[in-house]
Protein backbone atom coordinates (compact mmCIF):
# COMPACT_ATOMS: atom_id res chain seq x y z
CA MET A 1 127.23 50.53 155.32
CA ARG A 2 126.17 48.34 158.19
CA TYR A 3 124.98 45.51 155.92
CA ALA A 4 127.99 45.23 153.63
CA HIS A 5 129.48 42.21 155.40
CA LEU A 6 126.26 40.34 156.01
CA VAL A 7 125.07 37.05 154.57
CA LYS A 8 121.30 36.66 154.49
CA SER A 9 120.35 34.52 157.45
CA SER A 10 117.14 32.85 158.56
CA SER A 11 118.16 32.74 162.21
CA ARG A 12 115.84 34.42 164.66
CA THR A 13 114.43 33.89 168.12
CA VAL A 14 111.70 31.26 168.15
CA GLY A 15 108.28 32.92 168.37
CA THR A 16 109.62 36.35 167.42
CA VAL A 17 108.27 38.24 164.41
CA SER A 18 110.99 40.06 162.49
CA LEU A 19 109.99 43.19 160.61
CA ALA A 20 111.49 45.83 158.35
CA VAL A 21 110.25 49.42 158.66
CA VAL A 22 110.55 51.48 155.47
CA GLY A 23 110.37 55.27 155.76
CA LEU A 24 111.76 56.80 158.94
CA GLY A 25 110.08 60.18 159.11
CA ARG A 26 107.54 61.23 161.73
CA TRP A 27 105.16 58.32 161.15
CA GLY A 28 108.00 55.86 160.69
CA SER A 29 109.32 56.89 164.10
CA ASN A 30 105.85 56.38 165.57
CA TYR A 31 105.81 52.85 164.17
CA LEU A 32 109.30 52.14 165.54
CA ARG A 33 108.37 53.29 169.05
CA THR A 34 105.14 51.28 168.98
CA LEU A 35 106.71 48.09 167.63
CA ALA A 36 109.70 48.31 170.00
CA ALA A 37 107.29 48.26 172.96
CA LEU A 38 105.41 45.13 171.82
CA PRO A 39 106.45 41.66 173.00
CA GLY A 40 107.53 39.13 170.41
CA VAL A 41 108.60 41.73 167.84
CA ARG A 42 112.06 42.45 166.48
CA VAL A 43 112.65 45.35 164.12
CA ALA A 44 115.37 43.65 162.14
CA ALA A 45 115.84 46.36 159.52
CA VAL A 46 115.19 50.07 159.06
CA VAL A 47 115.11 51.53 155.56
CA ASP A 48 115.42 55.11 154.36
CA PRO A 49 117.55 56.81 151.69
CA SER A 50 118.54 59.41 154.30
CA GLU A 51 121.52 58.38 156.43
CA GLU A 52 120.47 60.97 159.02
CA ALA A 53 117.04 59.32 159.31
CA ARG A 54 118.64 55.89 159.68
CA VAL A 55 120.90 57.14 162.47
CA ARG A 56 117.91 58.62 164.30
CA ALA A 57 116.06 55.33 163.95
CA ALA A 58 118.99 53.45 165.45
CA SER A 59 118.39 55.23 168.75
CA LEU A 60 114.89 53.72 168.87
CA VAL A 61 115.81 50.21 167.69
CA PRO A 62 119.57 49.95 168.33
CA HIS A 63 119.99 46.35 167.16
CA SER A 64 118.40 46.84 163.76
CA LEU A 65 120.34 46.84 160.49
CA GLN A 66 120.25 49.98 158.35
CA PHE A 67 119.58 50.03 154.61
CA PRO A 68 119.05 52.78 152.01
CA SER A 69 116.48 50.81 149.96
CA ILE A 70 113.94 48.01 150.29
CA GLY A 71 115.88 45.95 147.75
CA ASP A 72 119.01 46.06 149.89
CA ALA A 73 117.03 45.21 153.01
CA LEU A 74 115.33 42.16 151.50
CA ALA A 75 118.62 40.96 150.02
CA HIS A 76 120.52 41.08 153.32
CA ALA A 77 118.01 40.74 156.17
CA LYS A 78 115.53 37.96 156.88
CA VAL A 79 112.15 39.42 157.81
CA ASP A 80 108.59 38.14 158.10
CA GLY A 81 106.84 41.37 157.21
CA VAL A 82 107.33 44.97 156.12
CA VAL A 83 105.83 48.19 157.51
CA ILE A 84 105.76 50.97 154.90
CA SER A 85 105.58 54.62 155.98
CA SER A 86 107.65 56.23 153.23
CA PRO A 87 106.39 59.17 151.10
CA SER A 88 102.89 58.42 149.83
CA GLU A 89 103.77 58.17 146.15
CA THR A 90 106.25 55.34 146.91
CA HIS A 91 103.88 53.17 149.00
CA ALA A 92 102.49 50.92 146.29
CA GLY A 93 105.81 50.25 144.55
CA ILE A 94 107.54 49.26 147.79
CA ALA A 95 104.53 47.13 148.75
CA VAL A 96 104.73 45.22 145.44
CA THR A 97 108.45 44.57 145.98
CA ALA A 98 107.78 43.06 149.41
CA LEU A 99 104.65 41.16 148.32
CA GLU A 100 106.59 39.56 145.47
CA GLN A 101 108.82 38.04 148.14
CA GLY A 102 105.77 36.51 149.82
CA LEU A 103 105.92 38.89 152.77
CA ALA A 104 103.02 40.43 154.67
CA VAL A 105 102.92 44.21 154.41
CA LEU A 106 101.35 47.01 156.42
CA VAL A 107 101.08 50.12 154.28
CA GLU A 108 100.43 53.51 155.83
CA LYS A 109 97.60 55.46 154.20
CA PRO A 110 97.20 56.30 151.43
CA VAL A 111 98.17 52.87 150.13
CA ALA A 112 98.37 54.26 146.58
CA THR A 113 98.06 57.67 144.96
CA THR A 114 97.04 56.50 141.47
CA VAL A 115 94.45 53.96 140.36
CA ARG A 116 97.10 52.17 138.29
CA ASP A 117 99.29 51.71 141.38
CA ALA A 118 96.32 50.50 143.40
CA HIS A 119 95.38 47.92 140.77
CA ALA A 120 99.00 46.65 140.76
CA LEU A 121 98.27 45.32 144.26
CA CYS A 122 95.38 43.16 143.03
CA ARG A 123 97.43 40.19 141.84
CA PRO A 124 95.94 36.89 143.07
CA GLU A 125 99.18 35.83 144.75
CA PHE A 126 99.01 38.92 146.96
CA ALA A 127 95.60 38.00 148.41
CA GLY A 128 95.42 38.31 152.19
CA LYS A 129 98.97 39.71 152.46
CA LEU A 130 98.31 43.47 152.58
CA LEU A 131 96.98 45.43 155.55
CA ALA A 132 95.98 48.99 154.65
CA GLY A 133 96.79 51.54 157.35
CA HIS A 134 93.23 52.74 157.87
CA LEU A 135 93.28 53.27 161.63
CA ALA A 136 89.52 53.76 161.88
CA VAL A 137 88.80 50.08 161.26
CA HIS A 138 90.45 49.26 164.60
CA HIS A 139 88.29 51.67 166.63
CA PRO A 140 85.61 49.80 168.65
CA ALA A 141 83.02 52.49 167.95
CA LEU A 142 83.54 52.31 164.18
CA GLN A 143 83.33 48.52 164.41
CA GLN A 144 80.07 48.90 166.34
CA ILE A 145 78.70 51.31 163.72
CA GLN A 146 79.50 48.88 160.93
CA SER A 147 77.80 46.09 162.87
CA LEU A 148 74.70 48.24 163.43
CA VAL A 149 74.47 49.05 159.73
CA GLU A 150 75.14 45.46 158.76
CA ASN A 151 72.28 44.33 161.00
CA ASN A 152 69.90 46.97 159.62
CA ALA A 153 69.55 48.71 162.99
CA ILE A 154 68.85 52.09 161.34
CA GLY A 155 67.56 50.82 158.01
CA GLU A 156 69.18 51.54 154.68
CA VAL A 157 71.91 54.15 154.99
CA ARG A 158 70.96 57.28 153.05
CA GLN A 159 73.52 59.88 154.03
CA ILE A 160 76.80 60.17 155.91
CA ALA A 161 78.46 63.35 157.13
CA ALA A 162 82.03 63.28 158.42
CA ASN A 163 83.94 66.22 159.86
CA ARG A 164 87.69 65.76 160.45
CA ALA A 165 90.06 68.57 161.36
CA SER A 166 93.54 68.78 162.80
CA ALA A 167 94.54 71.74 164.96
CA GLY A 168 97.17 74.34 164.17
CA SER A 169 99.51 74.66 161.25
CA THR A 170 100.78 71.71 159.21
CA ARG A 171 104.29 70.41 158.62
CA SER A 172 103.82 69.66 154.92
CA SER A 173 102.01 71.04 151.89
CA GLU A 174 100.02 67.83 151.39
CA SER A 175 96.37 68.60 150.71
CA ALA A 176 93.71 67.87 153.30
CA LEU A 177 92.15 65.50 150.76
CA TRP A 178 95.13 63.11 150.85
CA ALA A 179 96.33 63.81 154.39
CA LEU A 180 92.96 63.27 156.10
CA GLY A 181 90.63 61.90 153.44
CA PRO A 182 91.66 58.21 153.51
CA HIS A 183 90.26 57.73 157.03
CA ASP A 184 86.70 58.81 156.26
CA ALA A 185 86.76 57.66 152.63
CA CYS A 186 87.35 54.14 153.90
CA THR A 187 84.44 54.45 156.35
CA VAL A 188 81.91 55.77 153.83
CA VAL A 189 82.83 53.22 151.16
CA ARG A 190 82.40 50.43 153.69
CA LEU A 191 78.98 51.71 154.73
CA LEU A 192 77.60 52.87 151.37
CA GLY A 193 79.32 50.65 148.82
CA SER A 194 80.62 51.75 145.42
CA PRO A 195 80.78 55.51 144.71
CA SER A 196 79.55 56.80 141.35
CA THR A 197 80.29 60.55 141.31
CA VAL A 198 82.18 63.05 143.47
CA ARG A 199 82.58 66.81 143.75
CA CYS A 200 85.42 68.33 145.78
CA GLU A 201 86.05 72.02 146.50
CA SER A 202 88.84 73.82 148.32
CA ARG A 203 88.02 76.01 151.33
CA LEU A 204 91.54 77.27 152.18
CA PRO A 205 94.68 78.13 150.18
CA ASN A 206 96.82 75.16 149.08
CA GLU A 207 93.82 72.88 149.58
CA GLN A 208 94.41 72.77 153.33
CA ALA A 209 90.64 72.47 153.81
CA VAL A 210 88.26 70.77 151.38
CA VAL A 211 84.66 69.61 151.18
CA MET A 212 83.97 66.39 149.28
CA ARG A 213 80.46 65.38 148.21
CA THR A 214 80.00 61.83 146.94
CA ARG A 215 77.04 59.96 145.49
CA PHE A 216 76.91 56.18 145.56
CA ALA A 217 75.42 53.53 143.30
CA SER A 218 73.18 52.52 146.21
CA GLY A 219 71.47 55.93 146.10
CA GLY A 220 73.15 57.17 149.27
CA SER A 221 75.44 60.16 149.61
CA ALA A 222 78.27 61.39 151.82
CA VAL A 223 79.77 64.77 152.68
CA LEU A 224 83.33 64.86 154.04
CA THR A 225 84.62 68.12 155.52
CA LEU A 226 88.40 67.99 155.97
CA SER A 227 90.75 70.64 157.37
CA ARG A 228 94.43 70.67 158.33
CA GLN A 229 94.21 74.14 159.88
CA SER A 230 91.57 74.28 162.59
CA ALA A 231 91.35 75.96 165.96
CA ALA A 232 90.71 72.57 167.59
CA PRO A 233 90.84 68.94 166.46
CA THR A 234 87.51 67.48 165.36
CA ARG A 235 86.51 63.93 164.43
CA GLU A 236 82.77 63.52 164.04
CA LEU A 237 80.62 61.10 162.10
CA ARG A 238 76.86 61.14 161.45
CA VAL A 239 75.10 58.25 159.70
CA GLU A 240 71.48 58.78 158.62
CA GLY A 241 69.34 55.75 157.84
CA ALA A 242 65.74 55.15 156.82
CA LEU A 243 64.84 54.05 160.37
CA GLY A 244 67.18 56.10 162.53
CA SER A 245 70.62 57.63 162.85
CA ILE A 246 74.00 57.24 164.52
CA ARG A 247 76.21 60.00 165.94
CA PHE A 248 79.84 59.47 166.91
CA ASP A 249 82.34 61.92 168.40
CA GLU A 250 85.77 60.31 168.31
CA GLN A 251 87.25 62.96 170.61
CA THR A 252 85.01 61.89 173.48
CA GLY A 253 84.07 58.38 172.36
CA ALA A 254 80.36 59.28 172.59
CA LEU A 255 78.23 57.01 170.40
CA THR A 256 74.51 57.76 170.13
CA VAL A 257 71.98 55.62 168.28
CA LEU A 258 68.52 57.09 167.62
CA ARG A 259 65.78 54.80 166.32
CA ARG A 260 62.50 56.24 165.13
CA GLY A 261 59.82 55.31 167.62
CA GLY A 262 62.39 53.55 169.80
CA PRO A 263 64.76 54.33 172.66
CA VAL A 264 67.88 56.47 172.34
CA THR A 265 71.03 54.49 173.12
CA ARG A 266 74.11 56.28 174.39
CA ASN A 267 77.50 54.68 174.99
CA VAL A 268 81.08 55.76 175.33
CA LEU A 269 83.45 53.57 173.32
CA THR A 270 87.17 54.27 173.40
CA PRO A 271 90.01 51.96 172.37
CA GLU A 272 91.85 50.14 175.14
CA GLN A 273 95.18 50.99 173.49
CA PRO A 274 96.20 53.69 171.00
CA LEU A 275 94.87 52.89 167.54
CA LEU A 276 98.38 52.59 166.12
CA GLU A 277 99.19 49.93 168.71
CA LEU A 278 95.97 48.07 167.91
CA GLN A 279 96.84 48.19 164.22
CA CYS A 280 100.37 46.90 164.85
CA ARG A 281 99.09 44.06 167.04
CA HIS A 282 96.59 43.14 164.32
CA PHE A 283 99.38 43.18 161.74
CA LEU A 284 101.40 40.74 163.85
CA GLY A 285 98.38 38.43 163.75
CA CYS A 286 98.27 38.80 159.97
CA VAL A 287 101.99 38.01 159.69
CA SER A 288 101.53 34.83 161.74
CA GLY A 289 98.46 33.82 159.74
CA ALA A 290 96.21 33.90 162.81
CA GLU A 291 94.21 36.87 161.49
CA SER A 292 93.04 38.21 158.13
CA PRO A 293 93.50 41.90 157.26
CA ARG A 294 90.60 44.01 158.53
CA SER A 295 91.33 46.49 155.76
CA GLY A 296 93.00 45.05 152.70
CA VAL A 297 93.44 45.49 148.98
CA ALA A 298 89.73 46.00 148.28
CA ASP A 299 89.55 48.95 150.68
CA ALA A 300 92.85 50.34 149.37
CA VAL A 301 91.63 50.30 145.76
CA ALA A 302 88.22 51.73 146.65
CA VAL A 303 89.73 54.59 148.67
CA THR A 304 92.28 55.37 145.96
CA ARG A 305 89.62 55.48 143.24
CA LEU A 306 87.51 57.88 145.27
CA LEU A 307 90.36 60.21 146.25
CA VAL A 308 91.81 60.30 142.74
CA ALA A 309 88.40 61.27 141.33
CA ALA A 310 87.99 63.86 144.09
CA GLY A 311 91.41 65.27 143.18
CA GLN A 312 90.30 65.58 139.56
CA SER A 313 87.21 67.47 140.69
CA LEU A 314 89.33 69.69 142.93
CA ALA A 315 91.58 70.56 140.00
CA GLN A 316 88.48 71.56 138.02
CA ARG A 317 87.10 73.84 140.77
CA GLY A 318 84.52 71.38 142.03
CA ALA A 319 83.24 70.00 138.73
CA GLU A 320 81.56 66.63 139.09
CA ALA A 321 83.87 63.67 138.40
CA ALA A 322 82.51 60.24 137.54
CA LEU A 323 84.18 57.10 138.80
CA ASP A 324 84.86 54.25 136.40
CA ILE A 325 82.75 51.08 136.50
CA TRP A 326 83.65 48.90 139.46
CA PRO A 327 84.87 46.25 139.84
CA PRO A 328 87.18 46.31 136.81
CA SER A 329 87.35 42.98 134.99
CA GLU A 330 90.99 42.44 135.91
CA GLY A 331 90.80 43.66 139.50
CA VAL A 332 89.87 42.47 142.94
CA ASN A 333 86.22 42.46 143.99
CA ALA A 334 84.90 45.69 145.45
CA PRO A 335 84.26 45.81 149.20
CA ARG A 336 80.94 44.29 150.13
CA ARG A 337 78.38 46.58 151.66
CA PRO A 338 79.37 47.28 154.34
CA GLY A 339 82.97 46.72 153.19
CA ILE A 340 84.46 43.41 154.11
CA GLU A 341 87.68 42.24 152.50
CA PRO A 342 86.74 39.49 150.03
CA SER A 343 88.34 36.14 150.67
CA ALA A 344 90.84 34.82 148.19
CA ALA A 345 89.43 32.53 145.53
């Protein structure tokens, strides 16, 4: 193994952020390519149980050290932060291992697949250290929508409809709920607050398309239509308020705000860089302490709670599932409405 002769060292180039990337599949490779192109970043370690995956990664970041596990990596390589893109069910456990070392972590969505795993991330000493990989929070249009809602531009939000579809066949059997749901679940929780009940029904075999209907403690509701097998990609969001509405088409960047009795505002808002690059740049700011996570533990727990309850409904053919009282006494505060990561006490 490439690390067998190493002694853990703190040496690094001044001003350079050293990272470990855990999980070297398709998304892990995307992270490696993105990070390798950013100034001031060194991918010091790549981690995957598959030797074949580690060898492939070496072609993208040839000077990195290769490790089969996060424990080996943290024992033999000095890093400032960890990017986690391993299989979903391993995300939370790996994150806890890195957080216990005082490291900043960026966890690809979903951050956790069980409520228990999500709550394990709520320890006070982890506050401000975790960035959840919810790409939507880095999109300027979604930031503008949150600002509009926050400033009561369309009145109290009553209903949200989101339509997200990926084109063609899929490479895995993961359900549309978990593959696509975290993006829009994060958005609706931020805009409507704490969910109370959810119904979720399958529309294609193997749950490759689902419809999720959620009611919130605020009195609002949301409908998420998710498909992994569509003729064309779709990413649309509609927010209905007491005084107006907002329409957003992520494919074109078209953002339309309609106010009752007022003018119609139309803009085109597209990110200056790919969202993954924006997320990675933001993470570097979090590692350095210059920025606080735009989407942290509170969002991760809220999204996990909602998707787990939706999965329970899905397993019961769309029966209504109630979410537990939030926030739990031992957990982190729920996202504010609209969701803002609470500051550490």
